[in-house]
PDB file of N, CA and C in Angstrom:
ATOM      1  N   MET A   1      17.337 -23.410 -18.715  1.00  0.00           N
ATOM      2  CA  MET A   1      16.436 -24.082 -19.626  1.00  0.00           C
ATOM      3  C   MET A   1      15.012 -23.587 -19.378  1.00  0.00           C
ATOM      4  N   VAL A   2      14.285 -23.338 -20.432  1.00  0.00           N
ATOM      5  CA  VAL A   2      12.923 -22.828 -20.356  1.00  0.00           C
ATOM      6  C   VAL A   2      11.954 -23.995 -20.160  1.00  0.00           C
ATOM      7  N   ASP A   3      11.004 -23.817 -19.227  1.00  0.00           N
ATOM      8  CA  ASP A   3       9.976 -24.828 -19.025  1.00  0.00           C
ATOM      9  C   ASP A   3       9.101 -24.913 -20.258  1.00  0.00           C
ATOM     10  N   LYS A   4       8.760 -26.114 -20.629  1.00  0.00           N
ATOM     11  CA  LYS A   4       7.873 -26.340 -21.771  1.00  0.00           C
ATOM     12  C   LYS A   4       6.492 -26.725 -21.260  1.00  0.00           C
ATOM     13  N   THR A   5       5.493 -26.396 -22.039  1.00  0.00           N
ATOM     14  CA  THR A   5       4.121 -26.756 -21.729  1.00  0.00           C
ATOM     15  C   THR A   5       3.432 -27.131 -23.034  1.00  0.00           C
ATOM     16  N   ILE A   6       2.262 -27.702 -22.923  1.00  0.00           N
ATOM     17  CA  ILE A   6       1.530 -28.157 -24.100  1.00  0.00           C
ATOM     18  C   ILE A   6       0.534 -27.078 -24.521  1.00  0.00           C
ATOM     19  N   LEU A   7       0.581 -26.723 -25.791  1.00  0.00           N
ATOM     20  CA  LEU A   7      -0.384 -25.808 -26.392  1.00  0.00           C
ATOM     21  C   LEU A   7      -1.256 -26.635 -27.318  1.00  0.00           C
ATOM     22  N   VAL A   8      -2.539 -26.642 -27.043  1.00  0.00           N
ATOM     23  CA  VAL A   8      -3.470 -27.432 -27.848  1.00  0.00           C
ATOM     24  C   VAL A   8      -4.101 -26.524 -28.889  1.00  0.00           C
ATOM     25  N   VAL A   9      -3.877 -26.866 -30.134  1.00  0.00           N
ATOM     26  CA  VAL A   9      -4.513 -26.191 -31.264  1.00  0.00           C
ATOM     27  C   VAL A   9      -5.337 -27.244 -31.988  1.00  0.00           C
ATOM     28  N   PRO A  10      -6.329 -26.830 -32.757  1.00  0.00           N
ATOM     29  CA  PRO A  10      -7.189 -27.826 -33.405  1.00  0.00           C
ATOM     30  C   PRO A  10      -6.389 -28.877 -34.175  1.00  0.00           C
ATOM     31  N   GLY A  11      -6.488 -30.101 -33.711  1.00  0.00           N
ATOM     32  CA  GLY A  11      -5.847 -31.224 -34.380  1.00  0.00           C
ATOM     33  C   GLY A  11      -4.419 -31.509 -33.956  1.00  0.00           C
ATOM     34  N   LYS A  12      -3.821 -30.660 -33.112  1.00  0.00           N
ATOM     35  CA  LYS A  12      -2.420 -30.858 -32.732  1.00  0.00           C
ATOM     36  C   LYS A  12      -2.187 -30.483 -31.281  1.00  0.00           C
ATOM     37  N   LYS A  13      -1.146 -31.068 -30.723  1.00  0.00           N
ATOM     38  CA  LYS A  13      -0.633 -30.656 -29.424  1.00  0.00           C
ATOM     39  C   LYS A  13       0.825 -30.279 -29.630  1.00  0.00           C
ATOM     40  N   LEU A  14       1.157 -29.032 -29.307  1.00  0.00           N
ATOM     41  CA  LEU A  14       2.506 -28.531 -29.526  1.00  0.00           C
ATOM     42  C   LEU A  14       3.197 -28.277 -28.196  1.00  0.00           C
ATOM     43  N   SER A  15       4.475 -28.585 -28.133  1.00  0.00           N
ATOM     44  CA  SER A  15       5.276 -28.274 -26.958  1.00  0.00           C
ATOM     45  C   SER A  15       5.906 -26.900 -27.176  1.00  0.00           C
ATOM     46  N   VAL A  16       5.528 -25.938 -26.330  1.00  0.00           N
ATOM     47  CA  VAL A  16       5.995 -24.558 -26.484  1.00  0.00           C
ATOM     48  C   VAL A  16       6.504 -24.049 -25.139  1.00  0.00           C
ATOM     49  N   PRO A  17       7.346 -23.009 -25.158  1.00  0.00           N
ATOM     50  CA  PRO A  17       7.774 -22.403 -23.893  1.00  0.00           C
ATOM     51  C   PRO A  17       6.584 -21.786 -23.151  1.00  0.00           C
ATOM     52  N   ARG A  18       6.622 -21.872 -21.835  1.00  0.00           N
ATOM     53  CA  ARG A  18       5.535 -21.369 -21.001  1.00  0.00           C
ATOM     54  C   ARG A  18       5.241 -19.884 -21.235  1.00  0.00           C
ATOM     55  N   PRO A  19       6.257 -18.999 -21.332  1.00  0.00           N
ATOM     56  CA  PRO A  19       5.939 -17.573 -21.580  1.00  0.00           C
ATOM     57  C   PRO A  19       5.225 -17.342 -22.911  1.00  0.00           C
ATOM     58  N   PHE A  20       5.570 -18.122 -23.936  1.00  0.00           N
ATOM     59  CA  PHE A  20       4.893 -17.991 -25.227  1.00  0.00           C
ATOM     60  C   PHE A  20       3.423 -18.351 -25.102  1.00  0.00           C
ATOM     61  N   LYS A  21       3.139 -19.434 -24.389  1.00  0.00           N
ATOM     62  CA  LYS A  21       1.742 -19.856 -24.216  1.00  0.00           C
ATOM     63  C   LYS A  21       0.953 -18.797 -23.460  1.00  0.00           C
ATOM     64  N   ARG A  22       1.531 -18.250 -22.418  1.00  0.00           N
ATOM     65  CA  ARG A  22       0.824 -17.225 -21.640  1.00  0.00           C
ATOM     66  C   ARG A  22       0.613 -15.961 -22.457  1.00  0.00           C
ATOM     67  N   THR A  23       1.599 -15.574 -23.256  1.00  0.00           N
ATOM     68  CA  THR A  23       1.447 -14.413 -24.120  1.00  0.00           C
ATOM     69  C   THR A  23       0.329 -14.638 -25.127  1.00  0.00           C
ATOM     70  N   LEU A  24       0.276 -15.831 -25.693  1.00  0.00           N
ATOM     71  CA  LEU A  24      -0.782 -16.171 -26.636  1.00  0.00           C
ATOM     72  C   LEU A  24      -2.154 -16.133 -25.970  1.00  0.00           C
ATOM     73  N   GLN A  25      -2.234 -16.588 -24.725  1.00  0.00           N
ATOM     74  CA  GLN A  25      -3.501 -16.550 -23.998  1.00  0.00           C
ATOM     75  C   GLN A  25      -3.936 -15.117 -23.722  1.00  0.00           C
ATOM     76  N   VAL A  26      -3.006 -14.262 -23.358  1.00  0.00           N
ATOM     77  CA  VAL A  26      -3.335 -12.856 -23.099  1.00  0.00           C
ATOM     78  C   VAL A  26      -3.805 -12.183 -24.386  1.00  0.00           C
ATOM     79  N   LEU A  27      -3.111 -12.421 -25.485  1.00  0.00           N
ATOM     80  CA  LEU A  27      -3.510 -11.821 -26.758  1.00  0.00           C
ATOM     81  C   LEU A  27      -4.880 -12.310 -27.213  1.00  0.00           C
ATOM     82  N   SER A  28      -5.165 -13.581 -26.992  1.00  0.00           N
ATOM     83  CA  SER A  28      -6.487 -14.089 -27.382  1.00  0.00           C
ATOM     84  C   SER A  28      -7.584 -13.498 -26.501  1.00  0.00           C
ATOM     85  N   ALA A  29      -7.298 -13.272 -25.226  1.00  0.00           N
ATOM     86  CA  ALA A  29      -8.285 -12.641 -24.344  1.00  0.00           C
ATOM     87  C   ALA A  29      -8.550 -11.200 -24.769  1.00  0.00           C
ATOM     88  N   VAL A  30      -7.507 -10.486 -25.165  1.00  0.00           N
ATOM     89  CA  VAL A  30      -7.680  -9.109 -25.639  1.00  0.00           C
ATOM     90  C   VAL A  30      -8.509  -9.103 -26.923  1.00  0.00           C
ATOM     91  N   ALA A  31      -8.226 -10.033 -27.823  1.00  0.00           N
ATOM     92  CA  ALA A  31      -8.982 -10.110 -29.079  1.00  0.00           C
ATOM     93  C   ALA A  31     -10.449 -10.443 -28.821  1.00  0.00           C
ATOM     94  N   LEU A  32     -10.713 -11.363 -27.924  1.00  0.00           N
ATOM     95  CA  LEU A  32     -12.101 -11.703 -27.587  1.00  0.00           C
ATOM     96  C   LEU A  32     -12.832 -10.515 -26.971  1.00  0.00           C
ATOM     97  N   THR A  33     -12.141  -9.754 -26.129  1.00  0.00           N
ATOM     98  CA  THR A  33     -12.744  -8.561 -25.538  1.00  0.00           C
ATOM     99  C   THR A  33     -13.094  -7.546 -26.614  1.00  0.00           C
ATOM    100  N   ALA A  34     -12.203  -7.371 -27.580  1.00  0.00           N
ATOM    101  CA  ALA A  34     -12.472  -6.433 -28.677  1.00  0.00           C
ATOM    102  C   ALA A  34     -13.664  -6.886 -29.516  1.00  0.00           C
ATOM    103  N   VAL A  35     -13.794  -8.187 -29.742  1.00  0.00           N
ATOM    104  CA  VAL A  35     -14.919  -8.708 -30.520  1.00  0.00           C
ATOM    105  C   VAL A  35     -16.236  -8.509 -29.767  1.00  0.00           C
ATOM    106  N   VAL A  36     -16.220  -8.722 -28.465  1.00  0.00           N
ATOM    107  CA  VAL A  36     -17.431  -8.507 -27.665  1.00  0.00           C
ATOM    108  C   VAL A  36     -17.814  -7.026 -27.686  1.00  0.00           C
ATOM    109  N   ALA A  37     -16.823  -6.147 -27.563  1.00  0.00           N
ATOM    110  CA  ALA A  37     -17.111  -4.708 -27.635  1.00  0.00           C
ATOM    111  C   ALA A  37     -17.683  -4.345 -28.999  1.00  0.00           C
ATOM    112  N   LEU A  38     -17.149  -4.935 -30.064  1.00  0.00           N
ATOM    113  CA  LEU A  38     -17.681  -4.693 -31.409  1.00  0.00           C
ATOM    114  C   LEU A  38     -19.135  -5.140 -31.499  1.00  0.00           C
ATOM    115  N   ALA A  39     -19.442  -6.309 -30.993  1.00  0.00           N
ATOM    116  CA  ALA A  39     -20.819  -6.815 -31.048  1.00  0.00           C
ATOM    117  C   ALA A  39     -21.776  -5.901 -30.282  1.00  0.00           C
ATOM    118  N   ILE A  40     -21.338  -5.395 -29.136  1.00  0.00           N
ATOM    119  CA  ILE A  40     -22.183  -4.516 -28.338  1.00  0.00           C
ATOM    120  C   ILE A  40     -22.421  -3.189 -29.060  1.00  0.00           C
ATOM    121  N   VAL A  41     -21.359  -2.601 -29.603  1.00  0.00           N
ATOM    122  CA  VAL A  41     -21.491  -1.299 -30.261  1.00  0.00           C
ATOM    123  C   VAL A  41     -22.309  -1.417 -31.542  1.00  0.00           C
ATOM    124  N   VAL A  42     -22.052  -2.449 -32.355  1.00  0.00           N
ATOM    125  CA  VAL A  42     -22.815  -2.613 -33.594  1.00  0.00           C
ATOM    126  C   VAL A  42     -24.272  -2.953 -33.275  1.00  0.00           C
ATOM    127  N   GLY A  43     -24.494  -3.809 -32.279  1.00  0.00           N
ATOM    128  CA  GLY A  43     -25.869  -4.113 -31.869  1.00  0.00           C
ATOM    129  C   GLY A  43     -26.605  -2.881 -31.389  1.00  0.00           C
ATOM    130  N   ASN A  44     -25.904  -2.025 -30.664  1.00  0.00           N
ATOM    131  CA  ASN A  44     -26.510  -0.787 -30.193  1.00  0.00           C
ATOM    132  C   ASN A  44     -26.840   0.143 -31.365  1.00  0.00           C
ATOM    133  N   SER A  45     -25.980   0.152 -32.377  1.00  0.00           N
ATOM    134  CA  SER A  45     -26.231   1.042 -33.518  1.00  0.00           C
ATOM    135  C   SER A  45     -27.437   0.589 -34.337  1.00  0.00           C
ATOM    136  N   PHE A  46     -27.787  -0.693 -34.292  1.00  0.00           N
ATOM    137  CA  PHE A  46     -29.012  -1.152 -34.946  1.00  0.00           C
ATOM    138  C   PHE A  46     -30.247  -0.580 -34.264  1.00  0.00           C
ATOM    139  N   LEU A  47     -30.147  -0.373 -32.956  1.00  0.00           N
ATOM    140  CA  LEU A  47     -31.288   0.110 -32.192  1.00  0.00           C
ATOM    141  C   LEU A  47     -31.473   1.620 -32.277  1.00  0.00           C
ATOM    142  N   VAL A  48     -30.415   2.319 -32.670  1.00  0.00           N
ATOM    143  CA  VAL A  48     -30.473   3.770 -32.780  1.00  0.00           C
ATOM    144  C   VAL A  48     -30.909   4.123 -34.195  1.00  0.00           C
ATOM    145  N   ALA A  49     -31.807   5.076 -34.324  1.00  0.00           N
ATOM    146  CA  ALA A  49     -32.394   5.409 -35.626  1.00  0.00           C
ATOM    147  C   ALA A  49     -31.378   5.983 -36.605  1.00  0.00           C
ATOM    148  N   LYS A  50     -30.420   6.755 -36.138  1.00  0.00           N
ATOM    149  CA  LYS A  50     -29.506   7.411 -37.068  1.00  0.00           C
ATOM    150  C   LYS A  50     -28.262   6.550 -37.336  1.00  0.00           C
ATOM    151  N   GLY A  51     -27.765   6.596 -38.536  1.00  0.00           N
ATOM    152  CA  GLY A  51     -26.479   5.976 -38.847  1.00  0.00           C
ATOM    153  C   GLY A  51     -26.550   4.568 -39.382  1.00  0.00           C
ATOM    154  N   GLY A  52     -26.966   3.631 -38.600  1.00  0.00           N
ATOM    155  CA  GLY A  52     -26.980   2.242 -39.011  1.00  0.00           C
ATOM    156  C   GLY A  52     -25.772   1.487 -38.479  1.00  0.00           C
ATOM    157  N   SER A  53     -25.590   0.263 -38.959  1.00  0.00           N
ATOM    158  CA  SER A  53     -24.544  -0.594 -38.415  1.00  0.00           C
ATOM    159  C   SER A  53     -23.141  -0.121 -38.802  1.00  0.00           C
ATOM    160  N   LEU A  54     -22.978   0.505 -39.961  1.00  0.00           N
ATOM    161  CA  LEU A  54     -21.650   0.972 -40.352  1.00  0.00           C
ATOM    162  C   LEU A  54     -21.159   2.098 -39.454  1.00  0.00           C
ATOM    163  N   SER A  55     -22.066   2.921 -38.973  1.00  0.00           N
ATOM    164  CA  SER A  55     -21.632   3.946 -38.026  1.00  0.00           C
ATOM    165  C   SER A  55     -21.197   3.291 -36.713  1.00  0.00           C
ATOM    166  N   GLY A  56     -21.786   2.144 -36.396  1.00  0.00           N
ATOM    167  CA  GLY A  56     -21.366   1.401 -35.203  1.00  0.00           C
ATOM    168  C   GLY A  56     -19.946   0.896 -35.321  1.00  0.00           C
ATOM    169  N   VAL A  57     -19.568   0.469 -36.514  1.00  0.00           N
ATOM    170  CA  VAL A  57     -18.188   0.025 -36.742  1.00  0.00           C
ATOM    171  C   VAL A  57     -17.237   1.210 -36.621  1.00  0.00           C
ATOM    172  N   ASP A  58     -17.632   2.368 -37.132  1.00  0.00           N
ATOM    173  CA  ASP A  58     -16.797   3.567 -37.005  1.00  0.00           C
ATOM    174  C   ASP A  58     -16.612   3.959 -35.538  1.00  0.00           C
ATOM    175  N   VAL A  59     -17.682   3.877 -34.769  1.00  0.00           N
ATOM    176  CA  VAL A  59     -17.599   4.182 -33.334  1.00  0.00           C
ATOM    177  C   VAL A  59     -16.679   3.189 -32.650  1.00  0.00           C
ATOM    178  N   TRP A  60     -16.804   1.907 -33.005  1.00  0.00           N
ATOM    179  CA  TRP A  60     -15.963   0.873 -32.396  1.00  0.00           C
ATOM    180  C   TRP A  60     -14.494   1.103 -32.733  1.00  0.00           C
ATOM    181  N   LEU A  61     -14.209   1.441 -34.005  1.00  0.00           N
ATOM    182  CA  LEU A  61     -12.821   1.697 -34.393  1.00  0.00           C
ATOM    183  C   LEU A  61     -12.235   2.870 -33.620  1.00  0.00           C
ATOM    184  N   ALA A  62     -13.020   3.926 -33.448  1.00  0.00           N
ATOM    185  CA  ALA A  62     -12.542   5.070 -32.663  1.00  0.00           C
ATOM    186  C   ALA A  62     -12.293   4.661 -31.217  1.00  0.00           C
ATOM    187  N   PHE A  63     -13.148   3.788 -30.687  1.00  0.00           N
ATOM    188  CA  PHE A  63     -13.020   3.322 -29.306  1.00  0.00           C
ATOM    189  C   PHE A  63     -11.807   2.409 -29.155  1.00  0.00           C
ATOM    190  N   ILE A  64     -11.656   1.453 -30.049  1.00  0.00           N
ATOM    191  CA  ILE A  64     -10.644   0.418 -29.889  1.00  0.00           C
ATOM    192  C   ILE A  64      -9.236   0.935 -30.198  1.00  0.00           C
ATOM    193  N   LYS A  65      -9.124   2.026 -30.948  1.00  0.00           N
ATOM    194  CA  LYS A  65      -7.816   2.586 -31.279  1.00  0.00           C
ATOM    195  C   LYS A  65      -7.228   3.422 -30.150  1.00  0.00           C
ATOM    196  N   ARG A  66      -8.018   3.710 -29.139  1.00  0.00           N
ATOM    197  CA  ARG A  66      -7.514   4.497 -28.008  1.00  0.00           C
ATOM    198  C   ARG A  66      -6.515   3.667 -27.217  1.00  0.00           C
ATOM    199  N   SER A  67      -5.363   4.247 -26.930  1.00  0.00           N
ATOM    200  CA  SER A  67      -4.303   3.504 -26.244  1.00  0.00           C
ATOM    201  C   SER A  67      -4.696   3.141 -24.814  1.00  0.00           C
ATOM    202  N   ASP A  68      -5.488   3.985 -24.150  1.00  0.00           N
ATOM    203  CA  ASP A  68      -5.885   3.652 -22.783  1.00  0.00           C
ATOM    204  C   ASP A  68      -6.841   2.454 -22.765  1.00  0.00           C
ATOM    205  N   ILE A  69      -7.678   2.324 -23.781  1.00  0.00           N
ATOM    206  CA  ILE A  69      -8.589   1.182 -23.863  1.00  0.00           C
ATOM    207  C   ILE A  69      -7.796  -0.096 -24.122  1.00  0.00           C
ATOM    208  N   LEU A  70      -6.865  -0.044 -25.070  1.00  0.00           N
ATOM    209  CA  LEU A  70      -6.035  -1.218 -25.362  1.00  0.00           C
ATOM    210  C   LEU A  70      -5.190  -1.618 -24.159  1.00  0.00           C
ATOM    211  N   ALA A  71      -4.634  -0.636 -23.464  1.00  0.00           N
ATOM    212  CA  ALA A  71      -3.825  -0.936 -22.283  1.00  0.00           C
ATOM    213  C   ALA A  71      -4.670  -1.561 -21.182  1.00  0.00           C
ATOM    214  N   THR A  72      -5.885  -1.071 -20.993  1.00  0.00           N
ATOM    215  CA  THR A  72      -6.771  -1.642 -19.975  1.00  0.00           C
ATOM    216  C   THR A  72      -7.146  -3.081 -20.318  1.00  0.00           C
ATOM    217  N   MET A  73      -7.446  -3.337 -21.586  1.00  0.00           N
ATOM    218  CA  MET A  73      -7.784  -4.706 -21.990  1.00  0.00           C
ATOM    219  C   MET A  73      -6.592  -5.644 -21.799  1.00  0.00           C
ATOM    220  N   ALA A  74      -5.404  -5.195 -22.197  1.00  0.00           N
ATOM    221  CA  ALA A  74      -4.210  -6.031 -22.068  1.00  0.00           C
ATOM    222  C   ALA A  74      -3.856  -6.271 -20.601  1.00  0.00           C
ATOM    223  N   LEU A  75      -3.934  -5.232 -19.789  1.00  0.00           N
ATOM    224  CA  LEU A  75      -3.624  -5.384 -18.373  1.00  0.00           C
ATOM    225  C   LEU A  75      -4.608  -6.314 -17.680  1.00  0.00           C
ATOM    226  N   THR A  76      -5.877  -6.186 -17.994  1.00  0.00           N
ATOM    227  CA  THR A  76      -6.887  -7.069 -17.414  1.00  0.00           C
ATOM    228  C   THR A  76      -6.642  -8.518 -17.815  1.00  0.00           C
ATOM    229  N   ALA A  77      -6.348  -8.751 -19.082  1.00  0.00           N
ATOM    230  CA  ALA A  77      -6.077 -10.113 -19.544  1.00  0.00           C
ATOM    231  C   ALA A  77      -4.819 -10.670 -18.903  1.00  0.00           C
ATOM    232  N   LEU A  78      -3.768  -9.868 -18.791  1.00  0.00           N
ATOM    233  CA  LEU A  78      -2.519 -10.313 -18.185  1.00  0.00           C
ATOM    234  C   LEU A  78      -2.705 -10.667 -16.715  1.00  0.00           C
ATOM    235  N   VAL A  79      -3.343  -9.784 -15.970  1.00  0.00           N
ATOM    236  CA  VAL A  79      -3.552 -10.029 -14.539  1.00  0.00           C
ATOM    237  C   VAL A  79      -4.436 -11.255 -14.331  1.00  0.00           C
ATOM    238  N   THR A  80      -5.481 -11.402 -15.124  1.00  0.00           N
ATOM    239  CA  THR A  80      -6.367 -12.556 -14.983  1.00  0.00           C
ATOM    240  C   THR A  80      -5.631 -13.853 -15.287  1.00  0.00           C
ATOM    241  N   THR A  81      -4.851 -13.873 -16.358  1.00  0.00           N
ATOM    242  CA  THR A  81      -4.104 -15.079 -16.717  1.00  0.00           C
ATOM    243  C   THR A  81      -3.096 -15.438 -15.631  1.00  0.00           C
ATOM    244  N   MET A  82      -2.354 -14.468 -15.168  1.00  0.00           N
ATOM    245  CA  MET A  82      -1.354 -14.734 -14.125  1.00  0.00           C
ATOM    246  C   MET A  82      -2.019 -15.199 -12.822  1.00  0.00           C
ATOM    247  N   PHE A  83      -3.142 -14.578 -12.467  1.00  0.00           N
ATOM    248  CA  PHE A  83      -3.843 -14.990 -11.255  1.00  0.00           C
ATOM    249  C   PHE A  83      -4.334 -16.423 -11.359  1.00  0.00           C
ATOM    250  N   LEU A  84      -4.888 -16.796 -12.503  1.00  0.00           N
ATOM    251  CA  LEU A  84      -5.389 -18.166 -12.659  1.00  0.00           C
ATOM    252  C   LEU A  84      -4.257 -19.184 -12.594  1.00  0.00           C
ATOM    253  N   TYR A  85      -3.108 -18.879 -13.210  1.00  0.00           N
ATOM    254  CA  TYR A  85      -1.971 -19.789 -13.105  1.00  0.00           C
ATOM    255  C   TYR A  85      -1.454 -19.872 -11.680  1.00  0.00           C
ATOM    256  N   TRP A  86      -1.367 -18.736 -11.003  1.00  0.00           N
ATOM    257  CA  TRP A  86      -0.901 -18.734  -9.617  1.00  0.00           C
ATOM    258  C   TRP A  86      -1.844 -19.550  -8.730  1.00  0.00           C
ATOM    259  N   GLN A  87      -3.156 -19.336  -8.915  1.00  0.00           N
ATOM    260  CA  GLN A  87      -4.137 -20.064  -8.113  1.00  0.00           C
ATOM    261  C   GLN A  87      -4.056 -21.565  -8.386  1.00  0.00           C
ATOM    262  N   ARG A  88      -3.888 -21.948  -9.629  1.00  0.00           N
ATOM    263  CA  ARG A  88      -3.779 -23.370  -9.976  1.00  0.00           C
ATOM    264  C   ARG A  88      -2.525 -23.976  -9.346  1.00  0.00           C
ATOM    265  N   ASP A  89      -1.409 -23.224  -9.360  1.00  0.00           N
ATOM    266  CA  ASP A  89      -0.184 -23.726  -8.750  1.00  0.00           C
ATOM    267  C   ASP A  89      -0.316 -23.869  -7.245  1.00  0.00           C
ATOM    268  N   GLN A  90      -1.073 -22.957  -6.607  1.00  0.00           N
ATOM    269  CA  GLN A  90      -1.288 -23.047  -5.167  1.00  0.00           C
ATOM    270  C   GLN A  90      -2.128 -24.263  -4.796  1.00  0.00           C
ATOM    271  N   GLU A  91      -3.075 -24.637  -5.648  1.00  0.00           N
ATOM    272  CA  GLU A  91      -3.920 -25.802  -5.384  1.00  0.00           C
ATOM    273  C   GLU A  91      -3.118 -27.097  -5.465  1.00  0.00           C
ATOM    274  N   ARG A  92      -2.079 -27.118  -6.262  1.00  0.00           N
ATOM    275  CA  ARG A  92      -1.260 -28.323  -6.416  1.00  0.00           C
ATOM    276  C   ARG A  92      -0.382 -28.578  -5.208  1.00  0.00           C
ATOM    277  N   LYS A  93      -0.070 -27.530  -4.454  1.00  0.00           N
ATOM    278  CA  LYS A  93       0.840 -27.687  -3.293  1.00  0.00           C
ATOM    279  C   LYS A  93       0.141 -28.329  -2.131  1.00  0.00           C
TER     280      LYS A  93
END
């Protein structure tokens, strides 16, 4: 039997399997990292005289489509999520 945990979404609390919740947390961390990278690259393109903000989006797309960048973001999010759960479980003992 799979352990269930509570996933809180706006206005609801859902009972979901623990691996699903952790996968969702890792994916959201990767998405947030990509958004922060987009903000940095587009903000930087405003400061550079040539191109403008649309060239910043093109640079970001070229950056974010690289498999090594995506793998690094996913691995970092996975390791961080697992470490935080492990640390929380150790505190309960």
